[in-house]
C-alpha atoms as a PDB file:
ATOM      1  CA  MET A   1       8.449   1.734  -5.115  1.00  0.00           C
ATOM      2  CA  THR A   2       4.724   1.727  -5.836  1.00  0.00           C
ATOM      3  CA  ASP A   3       2.933   3.598  -8.617  1.00  0.00           C
ATOM      4  CA  ARG A   4       1.331   5.761  -5.960  1.00  0.00           C
ATOM      5  CA  MET A   5       4.755   6.923  -4.791  1.00  0.00           C
ATOM      6  CA  ALA A   6       6.343   7.359  -8.173  1.00  0.00           C
ATOM      7  CA  ALA A   7       4.642  10.621  -9.183  1.00  0.00           C
ATOM      8  CA  ALA A   8       5.335  12.273  -5.817  1.00  0.00           C
ATOM      9  CA  GLU A   9       8.956  11.176  -5.905  1.00  0.00           C
ATOM     10  CA  VAL A  10       9.508  12.549  -9.406  1.00  0.00           C
ATOM     11  CA  ALA A  11       7.749  15.742  -8.487  1.00  0.00           C
ATOM     12  CA  THR A  12       9.814  16.174  -5.324  1.00  0.00           C
ATOM     13  CA  ALA A  13      13.073  15.484  -7.169  1.00  0.00           C
ATOM     14  CA  PHE A  14      12.035  18.101  -9.774  1.00  0.00           C
ATOM     15  CA  ILE A  15      11.234  20.755  -7.130  1.00  0.00           C
ATOM     16  CA  LYS A  16      14.463  20.086  -5.213  1.00  0.00           C
ATOM     17  CA  ALA A  17      16.495  20.285  -8.444  1.00  0.00           C
ATOM     18  CA  PHE A  18      14.790  23.586  -9.303  1.00  0.00           C
ATOM     19  CA  GLY A  19      15.655  24.946  -5.827  1.00  0.00           C
ATOM     20  CA  ALA A  20      19.282  23.904  -6.245  1.00  0.00           C
ATOM     21  CA  GLY A  21      19.521  25.367  -9.734  1.00  0.00           C
ATOM     22  CA  ASP A  22      20.191  21.904 -11.134  1.00  0.00           C
ATOM     23  CA  MET A  23      18.805  22.401 -14.642  1.00  0.00           C
ATOM     24  CA  VAL A  24      20.141  19.037 -15.875  1.00  0.00           C
ATOM     25  CA  THR A  25      17.881  17.171 -13.412  1.00  0.00           C
ATOM     26  CA  VAL A  26      14.993  19.596 -14.044  1.00  0.00           C
ATOM     27  CA  ALA A  27      15.188  18.815 -17.780  1.00  0.00           C
ATOM     28  CA  GLU A  28      15.447  15.055 -17.124  1.00  0.00           C
ATOM     29  CA  CYS A  29      12.115  15.167 -15.267  1.00  0.00           C
ATOM     30  CA  LEU A  30      10.271  16.877 -18.122  1.00  0.00           C
ATOM     31  CA  ALA A  31       8.544  15.393 -21.153  1.00  0.00           C
ATOM     32  CA  ASP A  32       9.274  17.033 -24.498  1.00  0.00           C
ATOM     33  CA  ASP A  33       5.670  18.370 -24.716  1.00  0.00           C
ATOM     34  CA  VAL A  34       5.534  19.714 -21.151  1.00  0.00           C
ATOM     35  CA  VAL A  35       3.254  22.667 -20.369  1.00  0.00           C
ATOM     36  CA  PHE A  36       4.150  25.056 -17.525  1.00  0.00           C
ATOM     37  CA  GLU A  37       1.788  27.607 -16.015  1.00  0.00           C
ATOM     38  CA  SER A  38       2.393  30.031 -13.182  1.00  0.00           C
ATOM     39  CA  PRO A  39       0.801  33.278 -12.041  1.00  0.00           C
ATOM     40  CA  ARG A  40       3.325  35.119 -14.200  1.00  0.00           C
ATOM     41  CA  VAL A  41       4.040  33.008 -17.320  1.00  0.00           C
ATOM     42  CA  ARG A  42       2.897  30.090 -19.487  1.00  0.00           C
ATOM     43  CA  ALA A  43       5.336  28.057 -21.579  1.00  0.00           C
ATOM     44  CA  GLU A  44       5.008  24.992 -23.785  1.00  0.00           C
ATOM     45  CA  GLY A  45       7.703  22.497 -24.776  1.00  0.00           C
ATOM     46  CA  ILE A  46      10.821  21.415 -22.953  1.00  0.00           C
ATOM     47  CA  ASP A  47      13.044  24.165 -24.382  1.00  0.00           C
ATOM     48  CA  ALA A  48      10.640  26.998 -23.462  1.00  0.00           C
ATOM     49  CA  VAL A  49       9.886  25.540 -20.034  1.00  0.00           C
ATOM     50  CA  THR A  50      13.513  24.979 -19.085  1.00  0.00           C
ATOM     51  CA  ALA A  51      14.304  28.532 -20.247  1.00  0.00           C
ATOM     52  CA  VAL A  52      11.539  29.979 -18.035  1.00  0.00           C
ATOM     53  CA  ILE A  53      12.518  27.874 -15.022  1.00  0.00           C
ATOM     54  CA  GLY A  54      16.218  28.573 -15.604  1.00  0.00           C
ATOM     55  CA  GLU A  55      15.585  32.310 -15.632  1.00  0.00           C
ATOM     56  CA  PHE A  56      13.711  32.129 -12.344  1.00  0.00           C
ATOM     57  CA  THR A  57      16.360  30.025 -10.639  1.00  0.00           C
ATOM     58  CA  ARG A  58      18.633  33.105 -10.688  1.00  0.00           C
ATOM     59  CA  ILE A  59      16.689  34.595  -7.782  1.00  0.00           C
ATOM     60  CA  VAL A  60      16.001  31.370  -5.890  1.00  0.00           C
ATOM     61  CA  GLU A  61      18.238  30.589  -2.936  1.00  0.00           C
ATOM     62  CA  GLY A  62      16.584  27.221  -2.242  1.00  0.00           C
ATOM     63  CA  VAL A  63      13.404  25.377  -1.510  1.00  0.00           C
ATOM     64  CA  ASP A  64      12.118  23.583   1.577  1.00  0.00           C
ATOM     65  CA  VAL A  65       9.568  20.885   0.724  1.00  0.00           C
ATOM     66  CA  ILE A  66       6.758  20.796   3.208  1.00  0.00           C
ATOM     67  CA  ALA A  67       4.664  17.968   1.775  1.00  0.00           C
ATOM     68  CA  ALA A  68       4.222  15.896  -1.347  1.00  0.00           C
ATOM     69  CA  LEU A  69       1.431  13.566  -2.282  1.00  0.00           C
ATOM     70  CA  GLY A  70       0.320  11.832  -5.414  1.00  0.00           C
ATOM     71  CA  ASP A  71      -1.084   8.885  -7.209  1.00  0.00           C
ATOM     72  CA  ALA A  72       0.037   7.039 -10.326  1.00  0.00           C
ATOM     73  CA  GLY A  73      -0.299  10.022 -12.660  1.00  0.00           C
ATOM     74  CA  GLN A  74      -0.159  13.235 -10.688  1.00  0.00           C
ATOM     75  CA  ALA A  75       1.387  14.861  -7.631  1.00  0.00           C
ATOM     76  CA  MET A  76       1.125  17.991  -5.572  1.00  0.00           C
ATOM     77  CA  VAL A  77       4.139  19.488  -3.781  1.00  0.00           C
ATOM     78  CA  ILE A  78       3.886  22.243  -1.217  1.00  0.00           C
ATOM     79  CA  TYR A  79       7.131  24.108  -0.455  1.00  0.00           C
ATOM     80  CA  ASN A  80       8.722  27.301   0.715  1.00  0.00           C
ATOM     81  CA  MET A  81      10.770  28.984  -2.004  1.00  0.00           C
ATOM     82  CA  ARG A  82      13.454  31.260  -0.626  1.00  0.00           C
ATOM     83  CA  THR A  83      14.194  34.129  -3.008  1.00  0.00           C
ATOM     84  CA  VAL A  84      16.617  37.013  -2.942  1.00  0.00           C
ATOM     85  CA  PRO A  85      14.292  39.910  -3.816  1.00  0.00           C
ATOM     86  CA  PHE A  86      10.921  38.677  -2.476  1.00  0.00           C
ATOM     87  CA  GLY A  87      11.712  36.704   0.661  1.00  0.00           C
ATOM     88  CA  THR A  88      10.096  33.329   1.204  1.00  0.00           C
ATOM     89  CA  LEU A  89       7.080  32.447  -0.932  1.00  0.00           C
ATOM     90  CA  ARG A  90       4.755  29.523  -0.120  1.00  0.00           C
ATOM     91  CA  VAL A  91       4.284  27.592  -3.384  1.00  0.00           C
ATOM     92  CA  VAL A  92       2.109  24.696  -4.573  1.00  0.00           C
ATOM     93  CA  ASP A  93       2.919  22.767  -7.761  1.00  0.00           C
ATOM     94  CA  HIS A  94       0.359  20.413  -9.306  1.00  0.00           C
ATOM     95  CA  LEU A  95       2.223  18.100 -11.678  1.00  0.00           C
ATOM     96  CA  VAL A  96       0.817  15.579 -14.130  1.00  0.00           C
ATOM     97  CA  LEU A  97       3.067  12.763 -15.344  1.00  0.00           C
ATOM     98  CA  ARG A  98       3.089  10.393 -18.284  1.00  0.00           C
ATOM     99  CA  ASP A  99       5.590   7.521 -18.414  1.00  0.00           C
ATOM    100  CA  GLY A 100       7.487   8.970 -15.421  1.00  0.00           C
ATOM    101  CA  LYS A 101       7.953  12.440 -17.023  1.00  0.00           C
ATOM    102  CA  ILE A 102       6.197  15.694 -16.151  1.00  0.00           C
ATOM    103  CA  ILE A 103       3.779  16.779 -18.892  1.00  0.00           C
ATOM    104  CA  SER A 104       2.094  19.566 -16.911  1.00  0.00           C
ATOM    105  CA  ASP A 105       3.228  21.784 -14.091  1.00  0.00           C
ATOM    106  CA  VAL A 106       0.762  24.319 -12.701  1.00  0.00           C
ATOM    107  CA  VAL A 107       2.367  26.574 -10.090  1.00  0.00           C
ATOM    108  CA  VAL A 108       0.308  28.581  -7.597  1.00  0.00           C
ATOM    109  CA  PHE A 109       1.650  31.217  -5.203  1.00  0.00           C
ATOM    110  CA  ASP A 110       0.661  34.585  -3.778  1.00  0.00           C
ATOM    111  CA  THR A 111       2.196  37.263  -6.016  1.00  0.00           C
ATOM    112  CA  TYR A 112       1.834  40.056  -3.441  1.00  0.00           C
ATOM    113  CA  GLU A 113       5.563  40.315  -2.602  1.00  0.00           C
ATOM    114  CA  ILE A 114       6.494  40.311  -6.330  1.00  0.00           C
ATOM    115  CA  ARG A 115       3.910  42.996  -7.181  1.00  0.00           C
ATOM    116  CA  LYS A 116       5.022  45.068  -4.189  1.00  0.00           C
ATOM    117  CA  ALA A 117       8.670  44.923  -5.388  1.00  0.00           C
ATOM    118  CA  GLN A 118       7.684  45.874  -8.895  1.00  0.00           C
ATOM    119  CA  GLU A 119       5.647  48.865  -7.671  1.00  0.00           C
ATOM    120  CA  THR A 120       8.628  50.028  -5.613  1.00  0.00           C
ATOM    121  CA  GLU A 121      10.913  49.750  -8.641  1.00  0.00           C
ATOM    122  CA  GLU A 122       8.464  51.628 -10.832  1.00  0.00           C
ATOM    123  CA  ALA A 123       8.047  54.407  -8.268  1.00  0.00           C
ATOM    124  CA  ALA A 124      11.822  54.764  -7.966  1.00  0.00           C
ATOM    125  CA  ALA A 125      12.186  54.900 -11.769  1.00  0.00           C
ATOM    126  CA  GLY A 126       9.769  57.618 -11.872  1.00  0.00           C
END
């Protein structure tokens, strides 16, 4: 395995573990000082990040990786995330690694389906 492949392989293993709800593997991929950012939340430190990711896995039915690329220190993974309440969301993760562990994960996805579901819930509540 080359250094250029290493980051993409770690990133892909992390995303697949997330999609499978495998929090042991998710945690093994993360550095203690990891920072996670998504359109909905920011968390710092392995305990906070695994809690946020673990909470979200409850609604994830799986992921289908479309592409992954990277160099020695970073990777980008594009995937479809199948969720129970929101359908399939196209997601991009940009991950930065140090010593083979993820130190930064910035997640980007269109929040339209999530916002639409929340508006429906709020209207029903009254």
